[in-house]
PDB file of N, CA and C in Angstrom:
ATOM      1  N   MET A   1     -39.408   3.089  74.980  1.00  0.00           N
ATOM      2  CA  MET A   1     -38.920   4.098  75.460  1.00  0.00           C
ATOM      3  C   MET A   1     -39.299   5.331  74.494  1.00  0.00           C
ATOM      4  N   GLN A   2     -39.952   6.334  75.118  1.00  0.00           N
ATOM      5  CA  GLN A   2     -40.357   7.535  74.114  1.00  0.00           C
ATOM      6  C   GLN A   2     -39.622   8.460  74.645  1.00  0.00           C
ATOM      7  N   LEU A   3     -38.681   9.187  73.832  1.00  0.00           N
ATOM      8  CA  LEU A   3     -38.206  10.675  73.900  1.00  0.00           C
ATOM      9  C   LEU A   3     -39.029  11.884  73.663  1.00  0.00           C
ATOM     10  N   THR A   4     -39.340  12.439  74.856  1.00  0.00           N
ATOM     11  CA  THR A   4     -40.191  13.806  75.099  1.00  0.00           C
ATOM     12  C   THR A   4     -39.509  14.863  75.387  1.00  0.00           C
ATOM     13  N   ILE A   5     -39.383  16.020  74.401  1.00  0.00           N
ATOM     14  CA  ILE A   5     -38.619  17.308  74.778  1.00  0.00           C
ATOM     15  C   ILE A   5     -39.436  18.363  75.228  1.00  0.00           C
ATOM     16  N   ASN A   6     -39.535  18.849  76.423  1.00  0.00           N
ATOM     17  CA  ASN A   6     -40.386  20.040  76.919  1.00  0.00           C
ATOM     18  C   ASN A   6     -40.155  21.361  76.256  1.00  0.00           C
ATOM     19  N   LEU A   7     -40.758  21.967  75.749  1.00  0.00           N
ATOM     20  CA  LEU A   7     -40.679  23.485  75.048  1.00  0.00           C
ATOM     21  C   LEU A   7     -39.506  23.988  75.813  1.00  0.00           C
ATOM     22  N   VAL A   8     -39.327  24.124  77.409  1.00  0.00           N
ATOM     23  CA  VAL A   8     -38.449  25.072  78.076  1.00  0.00           C
ATOM     24  C   VAL A   8     -37.064  24.332  78.001  1.00  0.00           C
ATOM     25  N   ASP A   9     -37.257  23.016  77.850  1.00  0.00           N
ATOM     26  CA  ASP A   9     -35.679  22.461  77.567  1.00  0.00           C
ATOM     27  C   ASP A   9     -35.292  22.913  76.191  1.00  0.00           C
ATOM     28  N   PHE A  10     -36.168  22.677  75.119  1.00  0.00           N
ATOM     29  CA  PHE A  10     -35.556  23.147  74.004  1.00  0.00           C
ATOM     30  C   PHE A  10     -35.260  24.580  73.892  1.00  0.00           C
ATOM     31  N   TYR A  11     -35.780  25.483  74.589  1.00  0.00           N
ATOM     32  CA  TYR A  11     -35.350  26.919  74.709  1.00  0.00           C
ATOM     33  C   TYR A  11     -33.970  27.253  75.364  1.00  0.00           C
ATOM     34  N   TYR A  12     -33.775  26.336  76.591  1.00  0.00           N
ATOM     35  CA  TYR A  12     -32.349  26.343  77.374  1.00  0.00           C
ATOM     36  C   TYR A  12     -31.215  25.999  75.904  1.00  0.00           C
ATOM     37  N   PHE A  13     -31.650  24.755  75.362  1.00  0.00           N
ATOM     38  CA  PHE A  13     -30.889  24.399  74.407  1.00  0.00           C
ATOM     39  C   PHE A  13     -30.464  25.564  73.419  1.00  0.00           C
ATOM     40  N   LEU A  14     -31.310  26.094  72.925  1.00  0.00           N
ATOM     41  CA  LEU A  14     -31.127  27.017  71.807  1.00  0.00           C
ATOM     42  C   LEU A  14     -30.273  28.436  72.387  1.00  0.00           C
ATOM     43  N   ALA A  15     -30.773  28.640  73.784  1.00  0.00           N
ATOM     44  CA  ALA A  15     -29.875  29.740  74.453  1.00  0.00           C
ATOM     45  C   ALA A  15     -28.711  29.278  74.739  1.00  0.00           C
ATOM     46  N   GLY A  16     -28.612  28.044  75.372  1.00  0.00           N
ATOM     47  CA  GLY A  16     -26.806  27.741  75.491  1.00  0.00           C
ATOM     48  C   GLY A  16     -26.104  27.759  73.882  1.00  0.00           C
ATOM     49  N   ILE A  17     -26.872  27.513  72.857  1.00  0.00           N
ATOM     50  CA  ILE A  17     -26.021  27.586  71.609  1.00  0.00           C
ATOM     51  C   ILE A  17     -25.853  28.956  71.382  1.00  0.00           C
ATOM     52  N   LEU A  18     -26.710  29.766  71.177  1.00  0.00           N
ATOM     53  CA  LEU A  18     -26.735  31.362  71.103  1.00  0.00           C
ATOM     54  C   LEU A  18     -25.605  31.920  71.986  1.00  0.00           C
ATOM     55  N   PHE A  19     -25.443  31.500  73.221  1.00  0.00           N
ATOM     56  CA  PHE A  19     -24.019  31.825  74.348  1.00  0.00           C
ATOM     57  C   PHE A  19     -22.895  31.664  73.752  1.00  0.00           C
ATOM     58  N   ALA A  20     -22.789  30.322  73.351  1.00  0.00           N
ATOM     59  CA  ALA A  20     -21.721  29.900  73.202  1.00  0.00           C
ATOM     60  C   ALA A  20     -20.924  30.592  71.661  1.00  0.00           C
ATOM     61  N   SER A  21     -22.152  30.775  70.964  1.00  0.00           N
ATOM     62  CA  SER A  21     -21.896  31.348  69.783  1.00  0.00           C
ATOM     63  C   SER A  21     -21.399  32.872  69.905  1.00  0.00           C
ATOM     64  N   VAL A  22     -21.870  33.471  70.799  1.00  0.00           N
ATOM     65  CA  VAL A  22     -21.604  35.062  71.005  1.00  0.00           C
ATOM     66  C   VAL A  22     -20.388  35.184  71.823  1.00  0.00           C
ATOM     67  N   ILE A  23     -19.740  34.218  72.587  1.00  0.00           N
ATOM     68  CA  ILE A  23     -18.506  33.862  73.270  1.00  0.00           C
ATOM     69  C   ILE A  23     -17.355  33.403  72.275  1.00  0.00           C
ATOM     70  N   PHE A  24     -17.738  32.569  71.484  1.00  0.00           N
ATOM     71  CA  PHE A  24     -16.976  32.268  70.226  1.00  0.00           C
ATOM     72  C   PHE A  24     -16.689  33.757  69.678  1.00  0.00           C
ATOM     73  N   LEU A  25     -17.618  34.293  68.692  1.00  0.00           N
ATOM     74  CA  LEU A  25     -17.419  35.444  68.189  1.00  0.00           C
ATOM     75  C   LEU A  25     -16.699  36.530  68.935  1.00  0.00           C
ATOM     76  N   ILE A  26     -16.554  36.491  70.148  1.00  0.00           N
ATOM     77  CA  ILE A  26     -15.760  37.835  70.867  1.00  0.00           C
ATOM     78  C   ILE A  26     -14.418  37.175  70.760  1.00  0.00           C
ATOM     79  N   TYR A  27     -14.330  35.690  70.908  1.00  0.00           N
ATOM     80  CA  TYR A  27     -12.911  35.357  70.809  1.00  0.00           C
ATOM     81  C   TYR A  27     -12.084  35.335  69.925  1.00  0.00           C
ATOM     82  N   ALA A  28     -12.838  35.370  68.597  1.00  0.00           N
ATOM     83  CA  ALA A  28     -12.581  35.251  67.310  1.00  0.00           C
ATOM     84  C   ALA A  28     -12.013  36.694  66.905  1.00  0.00           C
ATOM     85  N   ASN A  29     -12.757  37.558  67.351  1.00  0.00           N
ATOM     86  CA  ASN A  29     -12.542  38.919  67.022  1.00  0.00           C
ATOM     87  C   ASN A  29     -11.212  39.224  67.809  1.00  0.00           C
ATOM     88  N   LYS A  30     -11.153  38.881  68.876  1.00  0.00           N
ATOM     89  CA  LYS A  30      -9.728  39.302  69.684  1.00  0.00           C
ATOM     90  C   LYS A  30      -8.626  38.597  68.968  1.00  0.00           C
ATOM     91  N   ILE A  31      -8.623  37.333  68.557  1.00  0.00           N
ATOM     92  CA  ILE A  31      -7.757  36.836  68.001  1.00  0.00           C
ATOM     93  C   ILE A  31      -7.312  37.275  66.652  1.00  0.00           C
ATOM     94  N   LYS A  32      -8.355  37.970  66.063  1.00  0.00           N
ATOM     95  CA  LYS A  32      -8.140  38.625  64.608  1.00  0.00           C
ATOM     96  C   LYS A  32      -7.159  39.799  65.142  1.00  0.00           C
ATOM     97  N   LYS A  33      -7.480  40.543  65.881  1.00  0.00           N
ATOM     98  CA  LYS A  33      -6.975  41.908  66.140  1.00  0.00           C
ATOM     99  C   LYS A  33      -5.567  41.726  66.720  1.00  0.00           C
ATOM    100  N   GLU A  34      -5.266  40.576  67.418  1.00  0.00           N
ATOM    101  CA  GLU A  34      -4.184  40.122  67.694  1.00  0.00           C
ATOM    102  C   GLU A  34      -3.250  40.139  66.537  1.00  0.00           C
ATOM    103  N   LEU A  35      -3.458  39.171  65.763  1.00  0.00           N
ATOM    104  CA  LEU A  35      -3.002  38.795  64.435  1.00  0.00           C
ATOM    105  C   LEU A  35      -2.374  39.875  63.366  1.00  0.00           C
ATOM    106  N   LYS A  36      -3.467  40.996  63.538  1.00  0.00           N
ATOM    107  CA  LYS A  36      -3.300  42.085  62.667  1.00  0.00           C
ATOM    108  C   LYS A  36      -2.010  42.913  63.414  1.00  0.00           C
ATOM    109  N   SER A  37      -2.126  42.820  64.665  1.00  0.00           N
ATOM    110  CA  SER A  37      -1.219  43.447  65.499  1.00  0.00           C
ATOM    111  C   SER A  37       0.425  42.945  65.016  1.00  0.00           C
ATOM    112  N   LEU A  38       0.132  41.451  65.412  1.00  0.00           N
ATOM    113  CA  LEU A  38       1.564  40.681  64.989  1.00  0.00           C
ATOM    114  C   LEU A  38       2.057  41.026  63.533  1.00  0.00           C
ATOM    115  N   LYS A  39       0.979  41.426  62.811  1.00  0.00           N
ATOM    116  CA  LYS A  39       1.300  41.389  61.204  1.00  0.00           C
ATOM    117  C   LYS A  39       2.264  42.683  60.983  1.00  0.00           C
ATOM    118  N   ARG A  40       1.731  43.735  61.785  1.00  0.00           N
ATOM    119  CA  ARG A  40       1.970  45.191  61.602  1.00  0.00           C
ATOM    120  C   ARG A  40       3.418  45.076  62.059  1.00  0.00           C
ATOM    121  N   GLN A  41       3.622  44.123  63.167  1.00  0.00           N
ATOM    122  CA  GLN A  41       4.734  44.429  63.703  1.00  0.00           C
ATOM    123  C   GLN A  41       6.113  43.987  63.271  1.00  0.00           C
ATOM    124  N   TYR A  42       5.583  42.679  62.756  1.00  0.00           N
ATOM    125  CA  TYR A  42       6.546  42.121  61.853  1.00  0.00           C
ATOM    126  C   TYR A  42       7.056  43.023  60.503  1.00  0.00           C
ATOM    127  N   GLU A  43       5.958  43.347  59.747  1.00  0.00           N
ATOM    128  CA  GLU A  43       6.048  44.585  58.899  1.00  0.00           C
ATOM    129  C   GLU A  43       7.077  45.515  59.201  1.00  0.00           C
ATOM    130  N   LYS A  44       6.910  46.255  60.485  1.00  0.00           N
ATOM    131  CA  LYS A  44       7.918  47.340  61.019  1.00  0.00           C
ATOM    132  C   LYS A  44       9.328  46.834  60.917  1.00  0.00           C
ATOM    133  N   LYS A  45       9.440  45.541  61.594  1.00  0.00           N
ATOM    134  CA  LYS A  45      10.612  45.292  61.849  1.00  0.00           C
ATOM    135  C   LYS A  45      11.766  44.636  60.448  1.00  0.00           C
ATOM    136  N   ALA A  46      10.753  44.065  59.399  1.00  0.00           N
ATOM    137  CA  ALA A  46      11.247  43.743  58.233  1.00  0.00           C
ATOM    138  C   ALA A  46      11.817  44.983  57.450  1.00  0.00           C
ATOM    139  N   ILE A  47      10.977  46.050  57.883  1.00  0.00           N
ATOM    140  CA  ILE A  47      11.055  47.455  57.036  1.00  0.00           C
ATOM    141  C   ILE A  47      12.595  47.869  57.750  1.00  0.00           C
ATOM    142  N   GLY A  48      12.426  47.675  58.816  1.00  0.00           N
ATOM    143  CA  GLY A  48      13.591  48.307  59.712  1.00  0.00           C
ATOM    144  C   GLY A  48      15.014  47.653  59.022  1.00  0.00           C
ATOM    145  N   ALA A  49      14.922  46.139  59.067  1.00  0.00           N
ATOM    146  CA  ALA A  49      15.933  45.466  58.578  1.00  0.00           C
ATOM    147  C   ALA A  49      16.558  45.886  57.350  1.00  0.00           C
ATOM    148  N   ASP A  50      15.730  46.062  56.306  1.00  0.00           N
ATOM    149  CA  ASP A  50      16.009  46.626  55.243  1.00  0.00           C
ATOM    150  C   ASP A  50      16.809  48.043  55.417  1.00  0.00           C
ATOM    151  N   ASP A  51      16.283  48.873  56.097  1.00  0.00           N
ATOM    152  CA  ASP A  51      16.898  50.025  55.952  1.00  0.00           C
ATOM    153  C   ASP A  51      18.171  49.749  56.651  1.00  0.00           C
ATOM    154  N   SER A  52      18.463  48.929  57.785  1.00  0.00           N
ATOM    155  CA  SER A  52      19.864  48.722  58.129  1.00  0.00           C
ATOM    156  C   SER A  52      20.656  48.130  57.155  1.00  0.00           C
ATOM    157  N   SER A  53      20.217  47.490  56.144  1.00  0.00           N
ATOM    158  CA  SER A  53      21.276  46.636  55.282  1.00  0.00           C
ATOM    159  C   SER A  53      21.336  47.617  54.217  1.00  0.00           C
ATOM    160  N   LEU A  54      20.267  48.468  54.032  1.00  0.00           N
ATOM    161  CA  LEU A  54      20.894  49.423  52.938  1.00  0.00           C
ATOM    162  C   LEU A  54      21.703  50.722  53.402  1.00  0.00           C
ATOM    163  N   ARG A  55      21.765  50.674  54.618  1.00  0.00           N
ATOM    164  CA  ARG A  55      22.964  51.625  55.349  1.00  0.00           C
ATOM    165  C   ARG A  55      24.186  51.304  55.159  1.00  0.00           C
ATOM    166  N   VAL A  56      23.966  50.035  55.575  1.00  0.00           N
ATOM    167  CA  VAL A  56      25.558  49.200  55.489  1.00  0.00           C
ATOM    168  C   VAL A  56      26.020  49.199  54.086  1.00  0.00           C
ATOM    169  N   LYS A  57      25.153  48.764  52.826  1.00  0.00           N
ATOM    170  CA  LYS A  57      25.597  48.915  51.636  1.00  0.00           C
ATOM    171  C   LYS A  57      26.344  50.490  51.167  1.00  0.00           C
ATOM    172  N   THR A  58      25.093  51.591  51.994  1.00  0.00           N
ATOM    173  CA  THR A  58      25.628  52.654  51.412  1.00  0.00           C
ATOM    174  C   THR A  58      26.955  53.055  51.620  1.00  0.00           C
ATOM    175  N   LEU A  59      27.194  52.504  53.023  1.00  0.00           N
ATOM    176  CA  LEU A  59      28.677  52.919  53.780  1.00  0.00           C
ATOM    177  C   LEU A  59      29.529  52.069  53.389  1.00  0.00           C
ATOM    178  N   GLU A  60      29.515  50.949  52.817  1.00  0.00           N
ATOM    179  CA  GLU A  60      30.280  50.169  52.084  1.00  0.00           C
ATOM    180  C   GLU A  60      30.970  50.847  50.713  1.00  0.00           C
ATOM    181  N   ASN A  61      29.930  51.307  50.150  1.00  0.00           N
ATOM    182  CA  ASN A  61      30.268  52.040  48.645  1.00  0.00           C
ATOM    183  C   ASN A  61      31.196  53.128  48.964  1.00  0.00           C
ATOM    184  N   LYS A  62      30.596  53.658  50.101  1.00  0.00           N
ATOM    185  CA  LYS A  62      31.281  54.984  50.259  1.00  0.00           C
ATOM    186  C   LYS A  62      32.740  54.964  50.864  1.00  0.00           C
ATOM    187  N   ILE A  63      32.944  53.731  51.530  1.00  0.00           N
ATOM    188  CA  ILE A  63      34.385  53.168  51.938  1.00  0.00           C
ATOM    189  C   ILE A  63      35.004  52.837  50.270  1.00  0.00           C
ATOM    190  N   LYS A  64      34.387  52.225  49.557  1.00  0.00           N
ATOM    191  CA  LYS A  64      35.245  51.810  48.330  1.00  0.00           C
ATOM    192  C   LYS A  64      35.402  53.142  47.543  1.00  0.00           C
ATOM    193  N   THR A  65      34.713  54.131  47.644  1.00  0.00           N
ATOM    194  CA  THR A  65      35.137  55.301  46.784  1.00  0.00           C
ATOM    195  C   THR A  65      36.424  55.757  47.259  1.00  0.00           C
ATOM    196  N   LEU A  66      36.174  56.162  48.703  1.00  0.00           N
ATOM    197  CA  LEU A  66      37.391  56.880  49.335  1.00  0.00           C
ATOM    198  C   LEU A  66      38.526  55.861  49.123  1.00  0.00           C
ATOM    199  N   GLU A  67      38.763  54.453  49.059  1.00  0.00           N
ATOM    200  CA  GLU A  67      39.730  53.992  49.034  1.00  0.00           C
ATOM    201  C   GLU A  67      40.465  54.052  47.510  1.00  0.00           C
ATOM    202  N   THR A  68      39.413  54.110  46.862  1.00  0.00           N
ATOM    203  CA  THR A  68      39.808  54.400  45.355  1.00  0.00           C
ATOM    204  C   THR A  68      40.610  55.635  45.066  1.00  0.00           C
ATOM    205  N   ALA A  69      39.957  56.850  45.950  1.00  0.00           N
ATOM    206  CA  ALA A  69      40.064  58.126  45.745  1.00  0.00           C
ATOM    207  C   ALA A  69      41.701  58.234  46.481  1.00  0.00           C
ATOM    208  N   LEU A  70      41.966  57.268  47.616  1.00  0.00           N
ATOM    209  CA  LEU A  70      43.175  57.389  47.993  1.00  0.00           C
ATOM    210  C   LEU A  70      44.190  56.749  47.175  1.00  0.00           C
ATOM    211  N   LYS A  71      43.999  55.653  46.589  1.00  0.00           N
ATOM    212  CA  LYS A  71      44.892  54.966  45.446  1.00  0.00           C
ATOM    213  C   LYS A  71      45.461  56.045  44.705  1.00  0.00           C
ATOM    214  N   LYS A  72      44.329  56.758  43.838  1.00  0.00           N
ATOM    215  CA  LYS A  72      44.643  57.553  42.712  1.00  0.00           C
ATOM    216  C   LYS A  72      45.452  58.722  43.440  1.00  0.00           C
ATOM    217  N   GLN A  73      45.220  59.072  44.587  1.00  0.00           N
ATOM    218  CA  GLN A  73      46.059  60.300  45.239  1.00  0.00           C
ATOM    219  C   GLN A  73      47.683  59.900  45.677  1.00  0.00           C
ATOM    220  N   SER A  74      47.543  58.536  45.852  1.00  0.00           N
ATOM    221  CA  SER A  74      48.865  58.246  46.128  1.00  0.00           C
ATOM    222  C   SER A  74      49.632  57.814  44.781  1.00  0.00           C
ATOM    223  N   GLU A  75      48.958  57.554  43.716  1.00  0.00           N
ATOM    224  CA  GLU A  75      49.540  56.972  42.675  1.00  0.00           C
ATOM    225  C   GLU A  75      50.238  58.561  41.812  1.00  0.00           C
ATOM    226  N   GLN A  76      49.584  59.779  42.015  1.00  0.00           N
ATOM    227  CA  GLN A  76      50.110  60.790  41.536  1.00  0.00           C
ATOM    228  C   GLN A  76      51.204  61.418  42.678  1.00  0.00           C
TER     229      GLN A  76
END
């Protein structure tokens, strides 16, 4: 049993590998862009959550200050 490969068959093989590589690189770039986009969205949501919790803490502190002022006023 003798294995012979024609030069044309070898070129088809190389062309197939090249074509598959190009398709893979295009797909990998697309996935990379989507990952960056999702990461950016997550960071924006995390920052928004931090802002919300900071606002709540600020309001709680204001309420405590007002309650303390009311207690002092009622004591006088």
